[in-house]
Amino acid sequence: MTTCLRAAALAIAAMGTAGPAAAIDLNGSFGGGFDRARYVPSVTMPTLHETPFITTEAKPIALYHRIPNGFVTNGGRVIAGALQARLALSDRIGIIATTDGYADLDFDSVLPDTDGFLDIAAGAKYAVISDPDAGNILTVGARYTAPIGNVETAGIDLTGGDGNGYIDIFATGAKLLEGGTNLQGSIGYQIALSDRNWSYVHLHGHVDHEVMPGFFPLFEVNAIIPTDGGDRIPGAELTGADVFDIGASDPVSTVTLALGARYRFTDNVIFGAAFEGNVMDIGDDTAESVTAWRITTDLTIHF
């Protein structure tokens, strides 16, 4: 992870310091003729909410995640870091690597603290509709999550390491409106390839508006709706998150709302940060989801 972040920092330094008002150089790596200055990717649930644009980019990600006090561990926190990568093979076809990284988990009670590497997910996507003049793009794709993570506590695997991984099939689209407002949304189905893990539908929405050159406040909503549980914790109504898989037999739905912003430092570098809260367990003494709230930050670096 340290090596990856160092490489990302060197890439930023090599891109120069042109301000957000500088001319945009569309050299083909962004794809389809869209105005790169209008591109504002989503921030929250980055392993699931894929951008519809075909880009060549690296994206270091850091998150701080709080576990609810009403959860079985009586609270706790997760700190994780990752590096996403995307490669545009043409204006419409791209390769994506969206899940990897390292996580440190600190539980307040019940379970021992732990840390380790997360699963790795990669795939491809294709822009079935690409109309830059109208500001419309619709992309479909699929990715496979390899169950190589080793985050484990008290004999419970918190990644997909004791299953056969997942296949995620998704569609994602965006609409660039006149006046600086951008809309983005996606839907996907994460399918577990063994009974050990859970399957779920995930939905995501994003809206942003450029209030001053290069500065985009944003609002996002995410939902994870289980369709099938795992058999690692029979009889448990416990739900993981986009990064972790508890493998309980009766997971519950999770809905989050997020507020944040993005700022374009240069033509090729965009910073993002958002605060995201789970709205399903508010006021409950017993929390079934591992998610209370989360802060996500990232740096999108175009090449």
C-alpha atoms as a PDB file:
ATOM      1  CA  MET A   1       0.000   0.000   0.000  1.00  0.00           C
ATOM      2  CA  THR A   2       2.823   2.414   0.878  1.00  0.00           C
ATOM      3  CA  THR A   3       4.434   1.762  -2.502  1.00  0.00           C
ATOM      4  CA  CYS A   4       1.153   2.382  -4.318  1.00  0.00           C
ATOM      5  CA  LEU A   5       0.528   5.666  -2.524  1.00  0.00           C
ATOM      6  CA  ARG A   6       4.084   6.815  -3.172  1.00  0.00           C
ATOM      7  CA  ALA A   7       3.605   6.096  -6.875  1.00  0.00           C
ATOM      8  CA  ALA A   8       0.365   8.068  -6.857  1.00  0.00           C
ATOM      9  CA  ALA A   9       2.086  11.041  -5.209  1.00  0.00           C
ATOM     10  CA  LEU A  10       4.819  11.002  -7.861  1.00  0.00           C
ATOM     11  CA  ALA A  11       2.149  10.937 -10.559  1.00  0.00           C
ATOM     12  CA  ILE A  12       0.526  14.046  -9.082  1.00  0.00           C
ATOM     13  CA  ALA A  13       3.825  15.896  -9.000  1.00  0.00           C
ATOM     14  CA  ALA A  14       4.426  15.038 -12.655  1.00  0.00           C
ATOM     15  CA  MET A  15       1.137  16.527 -13.797  1.00  0.00           C
ATOM     16  CA  GLY A  16       1.944  20.117 -13.112  1.00  0.00           C
ATOM     17  CA  THR A  17      -0.006  22.761 -11.240  1.00  0.00           C
ATOM     18  CA  ALA A  18      -2.420  24.178 -13.778  1.00  0.00           C
ATOM     19  CA  GLY A  19      -5.462  25.740 -12.065  1.00  0.00           C
ATOM     20  CA  PRO A  20      -9.020  24.544 -12.549  1.00  0.00           C
ATOM     21  CA  ALA A  21      -9.706  27.296 -15.069  1.00  0.00           C
ATOM     22  CA  ALA A  22      -6.934  26.093 -17.402  1.00  0.00           C
ATOM     23  CA  ALA A  23      -7.790  24.596 -20.781  1.00  0.00           C
ATOM     24  CA  ILE A  24      -8.760  20.933 -20.716  1.00  0.00           C
ATOM     25  CA  ASP A  25      -6.550  18.675 -22.848  1.00  0.00           C
ATOM     26  CA  LEU A  26      -8.780  15.871 -24.107  1.00  0.00           C
ATOM     27  CA  ASN A  27      -6.052  13.508 -25.277  1.00  0.00           C
ATOM     28  CA  GLY A  28      -8.275  10.490 -25.741  1.00  0.00           C
ATOM     29  CA  SER A  29      -7.729   8.956 -22.299  1.00  0.00           C
ATOM     30  CA  PHE A  30     -11.076  10.338 -21.050  1.00  0.00           C
ATOM     31  CA  GLY A  31     -13.045   8.849 -23.894  1.00  0.00           C
ATOM     32  CA  GLY A  32     -16.011   9.822 -26.018  1.00  0.00           C
ATOM     33  CA  GLY A  33     -15.350  13.571 -26.211  1.00  0.00           C
ATOM     34  CA  PHE A  34     -16.884  14.478 -22.826  1.00  0.00           C
ATOM     35  CA  ASP A  35     -15.600  17.645 -21.169  1.00  0.00           C
ATOM     36  CA  ARG A  36     -13.219  16.423 -18.482  1.00  0.00           C
ATOM     37  CA  ALA A  37     -13.806  19.613 -16.475  1.00  0.00           C
ATOM     38  CA  ARG A  38     -17.407  18.433 -15.879  1.00  0.00           C
ATOM     39  CA  TYR A  39     -16.342  14.977 -14.632  1.00  0.00           C
ATOM     40  CA  VAL A  40     -17.049  14.601 -10.902  1.00  0.00           C
ATOM     41  CA  PRO A  41     -17.047  10.941  -9.789  1.00  0.00           C
ATOM     42  CA  SER A  42     -18.988   9.774  -6.771  1.00  0.00           C
ATOM     43  CA  VAL A  43     -17.209   9.486  -3.401  1.00  0.00           C
ATOM     44  CA  THR A  44     -19.072   7.024  -1.182  1.00  0.00           C
ATOM     45  CA  MET A  45     -19.129   3.223  -1.543  1.00  0.00           C
ATOM     46  CA  PRO A  46     -16.368   3.462  -4.179  1.00  0.00           C
ATOM     47  CA  THR A  47     -16.024  -0.318  -4.529  1.00  0.00           C
ATOM     48  CA  LEU A  48     -19.625  -0.574  -5.782  1.00  0.00           C
ATOM     49  CA  HIS A  49     -20.625   2.787  -7.322  1.00  0.00           C
ATOM     50  CA  GLU A  50     -18.653   2.648 -10.567  1.00  0.00           C
ATOM     51  CA  THR A  51     -18.269   5.752 -12.746  1.00  0.00           C
ATOM     52  CA  PRO A  52     -19.932   5.402 -16.178  1.00  0.00           C
ATOM     53  CA  PHE A  53     -17.121   7.320 -17.868  1.00  0.00           C
ATOM     54  CA  ILE A  54     -14.318   5.461 -19.609  1.00  0.00           C
ATOM     55  CA  THR A  55     -11.157   6.820 -18.003  1.00  0.00           C
ATOM     56  CA  THR A  56      -7.514   6.089 -17.382  1.00  0.00           C
ATOM     57  CA  GLU A  57      -6.936   6.973 -13.747  1.00  0.00           C
ATOM     58  CA  ALA A  58      -5.558   6.005 -10.346  1.00  0.00           C
ATOM     59  CA  LYS A  59      -7.542   6.672  -7.172  1.00  0.00           C
ATOM     60  CA  PRO A  60      -6.022   6.375  -3.680  1.00  0.00           C
ATOM     61  CA  ILE A  61      -8.838   6.013  -1.110  1.00  0.00           C
ATOM     62  CA  ALA A  62      -8.881   6.354   2.689  1.00  0.00           C
ATOM     63  CA  LEU A  63     -11.884   5.825   4.955  1.00  0.00           C
ATOM     64  CA  TYR A  64     -12.752   6.031   8.652  1.00  0.00           C
ATOM     65  CA  HIS A  65     -15.736   3.865   9.543  1.00  0.00           C
ATOM     66  CA  ARG A  66     -17.651   3.774  12.854  1.00  0.00           C
ATOM     67  CA  ILE A  67     -19.454   0.654  14.079  1.00  0.00           C
ATOM     68  CA  PRO A  68     -22.748   1.380  15.947  1.00  0.00           C
ATOM     69  CA  ASN A  69     -22.729   1.190  19.754  1.00  0.00           C
ATOM     70  CA  GLY A  70     -25.743  -1.087  19.491  1.00  0.00           C
ATOM     71  CA  PHE A  71     -23.876  -3.624  17.362  1.00  0.00           C
ATOM     72  CA  VAL A  72     -22.788  -6.915  18.933  1.00  0.00           C
ATOM     73  CA  THR A  73     -19.280  -5.469  19.510  1.00  0.00           C
ATOM     74  CA  ASN A  74     -20.699  -2.414  21.365  1.00  0.00           C
ATOM     75  CA  GLY A  75     -19.080  -0.160  18.802  1.00  0.00           C
ATOM     76  CA  GLY A  76     -15.662   0.234  17.289  1.00  0.00           C
ATOM     77  CA  ARG A  77     -13.933   1.697  14.295  1.00  0.00           C
ATOM     78  CA  VAL A  78     -12.370   0.666  10.986  1.00  0.00           C
ATOM     79  CA  ILE A  79      -9.573   2.470   9.156  1.00  0.00           C
ATOM     80  CA  ALA A  80      -8.869   1.336   5.604  1.00  0.00           C
ATOM     81  CA  GLY A  81      -6.820   2.405   2.609  1.00  0.00           C
ATOM     82  CA  ALA A  82      -6.940   1.238  -0.999  1.00  0.00           C
ATOM     83  CA  LEU A  83      -5.844   2.126  -4.520  1.00  0.00           C
ATOM     84  CA  GLN A  84      -8.254   1.810  -7.456  1.00  0.00           C
ATOM     85  CA  ALA A  85      -7.107   1.806 -11.087  1.00  0.00           C
ATOM     86  CA  ARG A  86      -8.921   2.195 -14.404  1.00  0.00           C
ATOM     87  CA  LEU A  87      -7.608   1.857 -17.957  1.00  0.00           C
ATOM     88  CA  ALA A  88      -9.408   3.098 -21.083  1.00  0.00           C
ATOM     89  CA  LEU A  89      -8.802   0.677 -23.966  1.00  0.00           C
ATOM     90  CA  SER A  90     -10.948   2.819 -26.280  1.00  0.00           C
ATOM     91  CA  ASP A  91     -13.591   5.540 -26.034  1.00  0.00           C
ATOM     92  CA  ARG A  92     -16.124   2.898 -24.943  1.00  0.00           C
ATOM     93  CA  ILE A  93     -14.203   0.006 -23.350  1.00  0.00           C
ATOM     94  CA  GLY A  94     -12.370   0.111 -20.024  1.00  0.00           C
ATOM     95  CA  ILE A  95     -10.719  -2.225 -17.532  1.00  0.00           C
ATOM     96  CA  ILE A  96     -11.312  -1.593 -13.820  1.00  0.00           C
ATOM     97  CA  ALA A  97      -9.653  -2.697 -10.566  1.00  0.00           C
ATOM     98  CA  THR A  98     -11.917  -1.433  -7.798  1.00  0.00           C
ATOM     99  CA  THR A  99     -11.327  -3.406  -4.578  1.00  0.00           C
ATOM    100  CA  ASP A 100      -8.057  -4.006  -2.736  1.00  0.00           C
ATOM    101  CA  GLY A 101      -6.238  -2.472   0.204  1.00  0.00           C
ATOM    102  CA  TYR A 102      -5.600  -2.940   3.900  1.00  0.00           C
ATOM    103  CA  ALA A 103      -7.900  -2.486   6.902  1.00  0.00           C
ATOM    104  CA  ASP A 104      -7.401  -2.104  10.669  1.00  0.00           C
ATOM    105  CA  LEU A 105     -10.390  -2.957  12.898  1.00  0.00           C
ATOM    106  CA  ASP A 106     -10.694  -1.943  16.566  1.00  0.00           C
ATOM    107  CA  PHE A 107     -13.746  -3.400  18.369  1.00  0.00           C
ATOM    108  CA  ASP A 108     -14.902  -1.964  21.693  1.00  0.00           C
ATOM    109  CA  SER A 109     -15.708  -5.418  23.133  1.00  0.00           C
ATOM    110  CA  VAL A 110     -16.592  -9.073  22.394  1.00  0.00           C
ATOM    111  CA  LEU A 111     -14.279  -9.573  19.391  1.00  0.00           C
ATOM    112  CA  PRO A 112     -10.475  -9.221  19.315  1.00  0.00           C
ATOM    113  CA  ASP A 113      -9.052  -6.370  17.261  1.00  0.00           C
ATOM    114  CA  THR A 114      -7.679  -7.399  13.890  1.00  0.00           C
ATOM    115  CA  ASP A 115      -6.160  -6.138  10.654  1.00  0.00           C
ATOM    116  CA  GLY A 116      -5.311  -7.526   7.240  1.00  0.00           C
ATOM    117  CA  PHE A 117      -5.634  -7.315   3.487  1.00  0.00           C
ATOM    118  CA  LEU A 118      -8.989  -6.992   1.732  1.00  0.00           C
ATOM    119  CA  ASP A 119     -10.252  -8.972  -1.250  1.00  0.00           C
ATOM    120  CA  ILE A 120      -9.299  -7.916  -4.788  1.00  0.00           C
ATOM    121  CA  ALA A 121     -11.897  -7.155  -7.482  1.00  0.00           C
ATOM    122  CA  ALA A 122     -11.350  -6.394 -11.175  1.00  0.00           C
ATOM    123  CA  GLY A 123     -13.419  -6.411 -14.341  1.00  0.00           C
ATOM    124  CA  ALA A 124     -14.413  -4.523 -17.472  1.00  0.00           C
ATOM    125  CA  LYS A 125     -17.103  -2.110 -18.649  1.00  0.00           C
ATOM    126  CA  TYR A 126     -18.582  -0.907 -21.937  1.00  0.00           C
ATOM    127  CA  ALA A 127     -20.362   2.383 -22.707  1.00  0.00           C
ATOM    128  CA  VAL A 128     -23.487   1.305 -24.586  1.00  0.00           C
ATOM    129  CA  ILE A 129     -24.643   4.948 -24.904  1.00  0.00           C
ATOM    130  CA  SER A 130     -22.096   7.750 -25.236  1.00  0.00           C
ATOM    131  CA  ASP A 131     -23.493  11.125 -26.348  1.00  0.00           C
ATOM    132  CA  PRO A 132     -21.278  13.996 -25.151  1.00  0.00           C
ATOM    133  CA  ASP A 133     -23.338  16.624 -27.018  1.00  0.00           C
ATOM    134  CA  ALA A 134     -26.424  15.697 -24.974  1.00  0.00           C
ATOM    135  CA  GLY A 135     -24.365  14.944 -21.843  1.00  0.00           C
ATOM    136  CA  ASN A 136     -25.595  11.350 -21.649  1.00  0.00           C
ATOM    137  CA  ILE A 137     -23.655   8.164 -20.954  1.00  0.00           C
ATOM    138  CA  LEU A 138     -24.778   4.653 -19.957  1.00  0.00           C
ATOM    139  CA  THR A 139     -22.274   1.918 -19.204  1.00  0.00           C
ATOM    140  CA  VAL A 140     -22.628  -1.756 -18.321  1.00  0.00           C
ATOM    141  CA  GLY A 141     -19.981  -3.972 -16.785  1.00  0.00           C
ATOM    142  CA  ALA A 142     -19.006  -6.890 -14.611  1.00  0.00           C
ATOM    143  CA  ARG A 143     -16.245  -7.647 -12.135  1.00  0.00           C
ATOM    144  CA  TYR A 144     -15.013 -10.622 -10.157  1.00  0.00           C
ATOM    145  CA  THR A 145     -13.984 -10.427  -6.509  1.00  0.00           C
ATOM    146  CA  ALA A 146     -11.189 -12.859  -5.701  1.00  0.00           C
ATOM    147  CA  PRO A 147     -11.513 -14.126  -2.092  1.00  0.00           C
ATOM    148  CA  ILE A 148      -7.922 -13.540  -1.013  1.00  0.00           C
ATOM    149  CA  GLY A 149      -8.582 -11.236   1.971  1.00  0.00           C
ATOM    150  CA  ASN A 150      -7.307 -12.278   5.395  1.00  0.00           C
ATOM    151  CA  VAL A 151      -9.242 -10.035   7.806  1.00  0.00           C
ATOM    152  CA  GLU A 152     -10.363 -12.469  10.520  1.00  0.00           C
ATOM    153  CA  THR A 153     -11.358 -12.274  14.189  1.00  0.00           C
ATOM    154  CA  ALA A 154     -12.408 -15.015  16.635  1.00  0.00           C
ATOM    155  CA  GLY A 155     -12.528 -17.492  13.765  1.00  0.00           C
ATOM    156  CA  ILE A 156     -14.913 -15.289  11.732  1.00  0.00           C
ATOM    157  CA  ASP A 157     -13.689 -14.354   8.255  1.00  0.00           C
ATOM    158  CA  LEU A 158     -14.710 -10.722   7.602  1.00  0.00           C
ATOM    159  CA  THR A 159     -13.790 -10.847   3.907  1.00  0.00           C
ATOM    160  CA  GLY A 160     -14.739 -13.455   1.330  1.00  0.00           C
ATOM    161  CA  GLY A 161     -11.663 -15.552   2.019  1.00  0.00           C
ATOM    162  CA  ASP A 162     -13.433 -18.821   2.786  1.00  0.00           C
ATOM    163  CA  GLY A 163     -15.807 -18.684  -0.204  1.00  0.00           C
ATOM    164  CA  ASN A 164     -15.416 -18.685  -3.978  1.00  0.00           C
ATOM    165  CA  GLY A 165     -15.703 -14.942  -4.441  1.00  0.00           C
ATOM    166  CA  TYR A 166     -18.371 -12.847  -6.146  1.00  0.00           C
ATOM    167  CA  ILE A 167     -19.540 -11.740  -9.559  1.00  0.00           C
ATOM    168  CA  ASP A 168     -20.953  -8.206  -9.698  1.00  0.00           C
ATOM    169  CA  ILE A 169     -23.044  -7.208 -12.736  1.00  0.00           C
ATOM    170  CA  PHE A 170     -23.827  -3.502 -12.953  1.00  0.00           C
ATOM    171  CA  ALA A 171     -25.173  -0.624 -15.032  1.00  0.00           C
ATOM    172  CA  THR A 172     -24.167   2.975 -14.387  1.00  0.00           C
ATOM    173  CA  GLY A 173     -25.125   6.232 -16.077  1.00  0.00           C
ATOM    174  CA  ALA A 174     -24.710   9.994 -15.913  1.00  0.00           C
ATOM    175  CA  LYS A 175     -26.433  13.114 -17.180  1.00  0.00           C
ATOM    176  CA  LEU A 176     -24.488  16.396 -17.451  1.00  0.00           C
ATOM    177  CA  LEU A 177     -27.037  19.218 -17.250  1.00  0.00           C
ATOM    178  CA  GLU A 178     -26.742  22.815 -18.373  1.00  0.00           C
ATOM    179  CA  GLY A 179     -25.680  25.191 -15.638  1.00  0.00           C
ATOM    180  CA  GLY A 180     -23.094  22.937 -13.971  1.00  0.00           C
ATOM    181  CA  THR A 181     -25.294  20.246 -12.394  1.00  0.00           C
ATOM    182  CA  ASN A 182     -24.377  16.579 -12.843  1.00  0.00           C
ATOM    183  CA  LEU A 183     -26.466  13.481 -12.073  1.00  0.00           C
ATOM    184  CA  GLN A 184     -25.129   9.945 -11.716  1.00  0.00           C
ATOM    185  CA  GLY A 185     -26.660   6.649 -10.674  1.00  0.00           C
ATOM    186  CA  SER A 186     -26.001   2.932 -10.780  1.00  0.00           C
ATOM    187  CA  ILE A 187     -27.523  -0.445  -9.970  1.00  0.00           C
ATOM    188  CA  GLY A 188     -25.789  -3.781  -9.565  1.00  0.00           C
ATOM    189  CA  TYR A 189     -26.205  -7.320  -8.354  1.00  0.00           C
ATOM    190  CA  GLN A 190     -23.392  -8.803  -6.273  1.00  0.00           C
ATOM    191  CA  ILE A 191     -23.703 -12.595  -6.559  1.00  0.00           C
ATOM    192  CA  ALA A 192     -21.922 -14.878  -4.097  1.00  0.00           C
ATOM    193  CA  LEU A 193     -20.373 -17.929  -5.758  1.00  0.00           C
ATOM    194  CA  SER A 194     -20.678 -20.076  -2.638  1.00  0.00           C
ATOM    195  CA  ASP A 195     -23.101 -20.518   0.247  1.00  0.00           C
ATOM    196  CA  ARG A 196     -20.538 -19.055   2.642  1.00  0.00           C
ATOM    197  CA  ASN A 197     -21.130 -15.477   1.482  1.00  0.00           C
ATOM    198  CA  TRP A 198     -24.159 -13.220   0.905  1.00  0.00           C
ATOM    199  CA  SER A 199     -25.685 -11.815  -2.280  1.00  0.00           C
ATOM    200  CA  TYR A 200     -27.293  -8.393  -2.623  1.00  0.00           C
ATOM    201  CA  VAL A 201     -28.603  -5.684  -4.924  1.00  0.00           C
ATOM    202  CA  HIS A 202     -26.839  -2.325  -4.593  1.00  0.00           C
ATOM    203  CA  LEU A 203     -28.211   1.042  -5.741  1.00  0.00           C
ATOM    204  CA  HIS A 204     -26.483   4.426  -5.777  1.00  0.00           C
ATOM    205  CA  GLY A 205     -27.404   8.010  -6.607  1.00  0.00           C
ATOM    206  CA  HIS A 206     -25.256  11.141  -6.891  1.00  0.00           C
ATOM    207  CA  VAL A 207     -25.886  14.807  -7.650  1.00  0.00           C
ATOM    208  CA  ASP A 208     -23.361  17.647  -7.686  1.00  0.00           C
ATOM    209  CA  HIS A 209     -23.276  21.282  -8.749  1.00  0.00           C
ATOM    210  CA  GLU A 210     -20.285  23.490  -9.557  1.00  0.00           C
ATOM    211  CA  VAL A 211     -20.786  26.532  -7.302  1.00  0.00           C
ATOM    212  CA  MET A 212     -17.425  28.072  -8.204  1.00  0.00           C
ATOM    213  CA  PRO A 213     -14.671  27.068 -10.632  1.00  0.00           C
ATOM    214  CA  GLY A 214     -13.535  23.554  -9.728  1.00  0.00           C
ATOM    215  CA  PHE A 215     -15.627  23.235  -6.522  1.00  0.00           C
ATOM    216  CA  PHE A 216     -18.552  20.781  -6.530  1.00  0.00           C
ATOM    217  CA  PRO A 217     -20.687  20.200  -3.389  1.00  0.00           C
ATOM    218  CA  LEU A 218     -22.428  16.825  -3.692  1.00  0.00           C
ATOM    219  CA  PHE A 219     -25.171  14.659  -2.211  1.00  0.00           C
ATOM    220  CA  GLU A 220     -25.288  10.858  -2.459  1.00  0.00           C
ATOM    221  CA  VAL A 221     -27.581   7.998  -1.449  1.00  0.00           C
ATOM    222  CA  ASN A 222     -26.704   4.295  -1.324  1.00  0.00           C
ATOM    223  CA  ALA A 223     -28.700   1.138  -0.615  1.00  0.00           C
ATOM    224  CA  ILE A 224     -27.628  -2.467  -0.090  1.00  0.00           C
ATOM    225  CA  ILE A 225     -30.553  -4.900  -0.252  1.00  0.00           C
ATOM    226  CA  PRO A 226     -29.712  -8.526   0.608  1.00  0.00           C
ATOM    227  CA  THR A 227     -31.237 -11.268  -1.536  1.00  0.00           C
ATOM    228  CA  ASP A 228     -29.542 -14.251   0.120  1.00  0.00           C
ATOM    229  CA  GLY A 229     -27.533 -14.746   3.304  1.00  0.00           C
ATOM    230  CA  GLY A 230     -24.432 -16.787   4.001  1.00  0.00           C
ATOM    231  CA  ASP A 231     -23.963 -19.730   6.342  1.00  0.00           C
ATOM    232  CA  ARG A 232     -21.023 -18.519   8.420  1.00  0.00           C
ATOM    233  CA  ILE A 233     -23.235 -17.179  11.251  1.00  0.00           C
ATOM    234  CA  PRO A 234     -26.532 -19.121  11.165  1.00  0.00           C
ATOM    235  CA  GLY A 235     -29.617 -17.363  12.543  1.00  0.00           C
ATOM    236  CA  ALA A 236     -27.941 -13.956  12.793  1.00  0.00           C
ATOM    237  CA  GLU A 237     -29.580 -10.758  11.488  1.00  0.00           C
ATOM    238  CA  LEU A 238     -26.231  -9.050  10.952  1.00  0.00           C
ATOM    239  CA  THR A 239     -25.167  -7.127   7.876  1.00  0.00           C
ATOM    240  CA  GLY A 240     -21.692  -6.280   6.674  1.00  0.00           C
ATOM    241  CA  ALA A 241     -20.956  -3.409   4.346  1.00  0.00           C
ATOM    242  CA  ASP A 242     -19.545  -2.807   0.889  1.00  0.00           C
ATOM    243  CA  VAL A 243     -16.055  -3.790   2.078  1.00  0.00           C
ATOM    244  CA  PHE A 244     -16.775  -6.497   4.691  1.00  0.00           C
ATOM    245  CA  ASP A 245     -18.751  -9.728   4.484  1.00  0.00           C
ATOM    246  CA  ILE A 246     -19.952 -11.145   7.812  1.00  0.00           C
ATOM    247  CA  GLY A 247     -21.682 -14.044   6.081  1.00  0.00           C
ATOM    248  CA  ALA A 248     -24.735 -14.049   8.383  1.00  0.00           C
ATOM    249  CA  SER A 249     -27.791 -16.026   7.346  1.00  0.00           C
ATOM    250  CA  ASP A 250     -30.332 -13.184   7.672  1.00  0.00           C
ATOM    251  CA  PRO A 251     -28.712  -9.877   6.678  1.00  0.00           C
ATOM    252  CA  VAL A 252     -30.802  -6.699   6.705  1.00  0.00           C
ATOM    253  CA  SER A 253     -30.895  -3.787   4.265  1.00  0.00           C
ATOM    254  CA  THR A 254     -28.647  -0.770   4.664  1.00  0.00           C
ATOM    255  CA  VAL A 255     -29.458   2.731   3.371  1.00  0.00           C
ATOM    256  CA  THR A 256     -27.004   5.615   3.699  1.00  0.00           C
ATOM    257  CA  LEU A 257     -27.107   9.340   2.924  1.00  0.00           C
ATOM    258  CA  ALA A 258     -23.974  11.381   2.313  1.00  0.00           C
ATOM    259  CA  LEU A 259     -22.897  15.015   1.994  1.00  0.00           C
ATOM    260  CA  GLY A 260     -19.533  16.032   0.629  1.00  0.00           C
ATOM    261  CA  ALA A 261     -17.645  17.927  -2.035  1.00  0.00           C
ATOM    262  CA  ARG A 262     -15.044  17.607  -4.739  1.00  0.00           C
ATOM    263  CA  TYR A 263     -12.377  20.105  -5.733  1.00  0.00           C
ATOM    264  CA  ARG A 264     -10.361  20.029  -8.946  1.00  0.00           C
ATOM    265  CA  PHE A 265      -6.780  21.014  -8.081  1.00  0.00           C
ATOM    266  CA  THR A 266      -5.561  20.689 -11.674  1.00  0.00           C
ATOM    267  CA  ASP A 267      -6.930  19.464 -14.971  1.00  0.00           C
ATOM    268  CA  ASN A 268      -6.012  15.924 -13.929  1.00  0.00           C
ATOM    269  CA  VAL A 269      -6.342  15.812 -10.125  1.00  0.00           C
ATOM    270  CA  ILE A 270      -9.638  15.881  -8.176  1.00  0.00           C
ATOM    271  CA  PHE A 271      -9.957  15.608  -4.391  1.00  0.00           C
ATOM    272  CA  GLY A 272     -13.140  14.293  -2.807  1.00  0.00           C
ATOM    273  CA  ALA A 273     -14.494  13.883   0.721  1.00  0.00           C
ATOM    274  CA  ALA A 274     -17.904  12.923   2.114  1.00  0.00           C
ATOM    275  CA  PHE A 275     -19.631  12.105   5.409  1.00  0.00           C
ATOM    276  CA  GLU A 276     -22.017   9.154   5.103  1.00  0.00           C
ATOM    277  CA  GLY A 277     -24.542   7.952   7.684  1.00  0.00           C
ATOM    278  CA  ASN A 278     -26.730   4.854   7.931  1.00  0.00           C
ATOM    279  CA  VAL A 279     -30.399   5.866   8.246  1.00  0.00           C
ATOM    280  CA  MET A 280     -31.777   2.383   9.010  1.00  0.00           C
ATOM    281  CA  ASP A 281     -30.678   1.940  12.660  1.00  0.00           C
ATOM    282  CA  ILE A 282     -31.343   5.463  13.995  1.00  0.00           C
ATOM    283  CA  GLY A 283     -32.629   5.342  17.578  1.00  0.00           C
ATOM    284  CA  ASP A 284     -32.337   1.559  17.873  1.00  0.00           C
ATOM    285  CA  ASP A 285     -30.731   0.059  20.961  1.00  0.00           C
ATOM    286  CA  THR A 286     -29.722  -2.971  18.903  1.00  0.00           C
ATOM    287  CA  ALA A 287     -27.998  -2.362  15.567  1.00  0.00           C
ATOM    288  CA  GLU A 288     -27.960  -5.123  12.961  1.00  0.00           C
ATOM    289  CA  SER A 289     -25.692  -3.342  10.467  1.00  0.00           C
ATOM    290  CA  VAL A 290     -21.966  -2.860  10.987  1.00  0.00           C
ATOM    291  CA  THR A 291     -22.356   0.701   9.613  1.00  0.00           C
ATOM    292  CA  ALA A 292     -23.067   3.742  11.803  1.00  0.00           C
ATOM    293  CA  TRP A 293     -21.259   6.431   9.848  1.00  0.00           C
ATOM    294  CA  ARG A 294     -18.196   6.828   7.662  1.00  0.00           C
ATOM    295  CA  ILE A 295     -15.863   9.487   6.279  1.00  0.00           C
ATOM    296  CA  THR A 296     -14.454   8.707   2.842  1.00  0.00           C
ATOM    297  CA  THR A 297     -11.706  10.657   1.063  1.00  0.00           C
ATOM    298  CA  ASP A 298      -9.988  10.047  -2.253  1.00  0.00           C
ATOM    299  CA  LEU A 299      -7.816  11.596  -4.941  1.00  0.00           C
ATOM    300  CA  THR A 300      -8.776  10.925  -8.573  1.00  0.00           C
ATOM    301  CA  ILE A 301      -5.702  11.192 -10.796  1.00  0.00           C
ATOM    302  CA  HIS A 302      -6.245  11.169 -14.578  1.00  0.00           C
ATOM    303  CA  PHE A 303      -3.595  10.165 -17.099  1.00  0.00           C
END
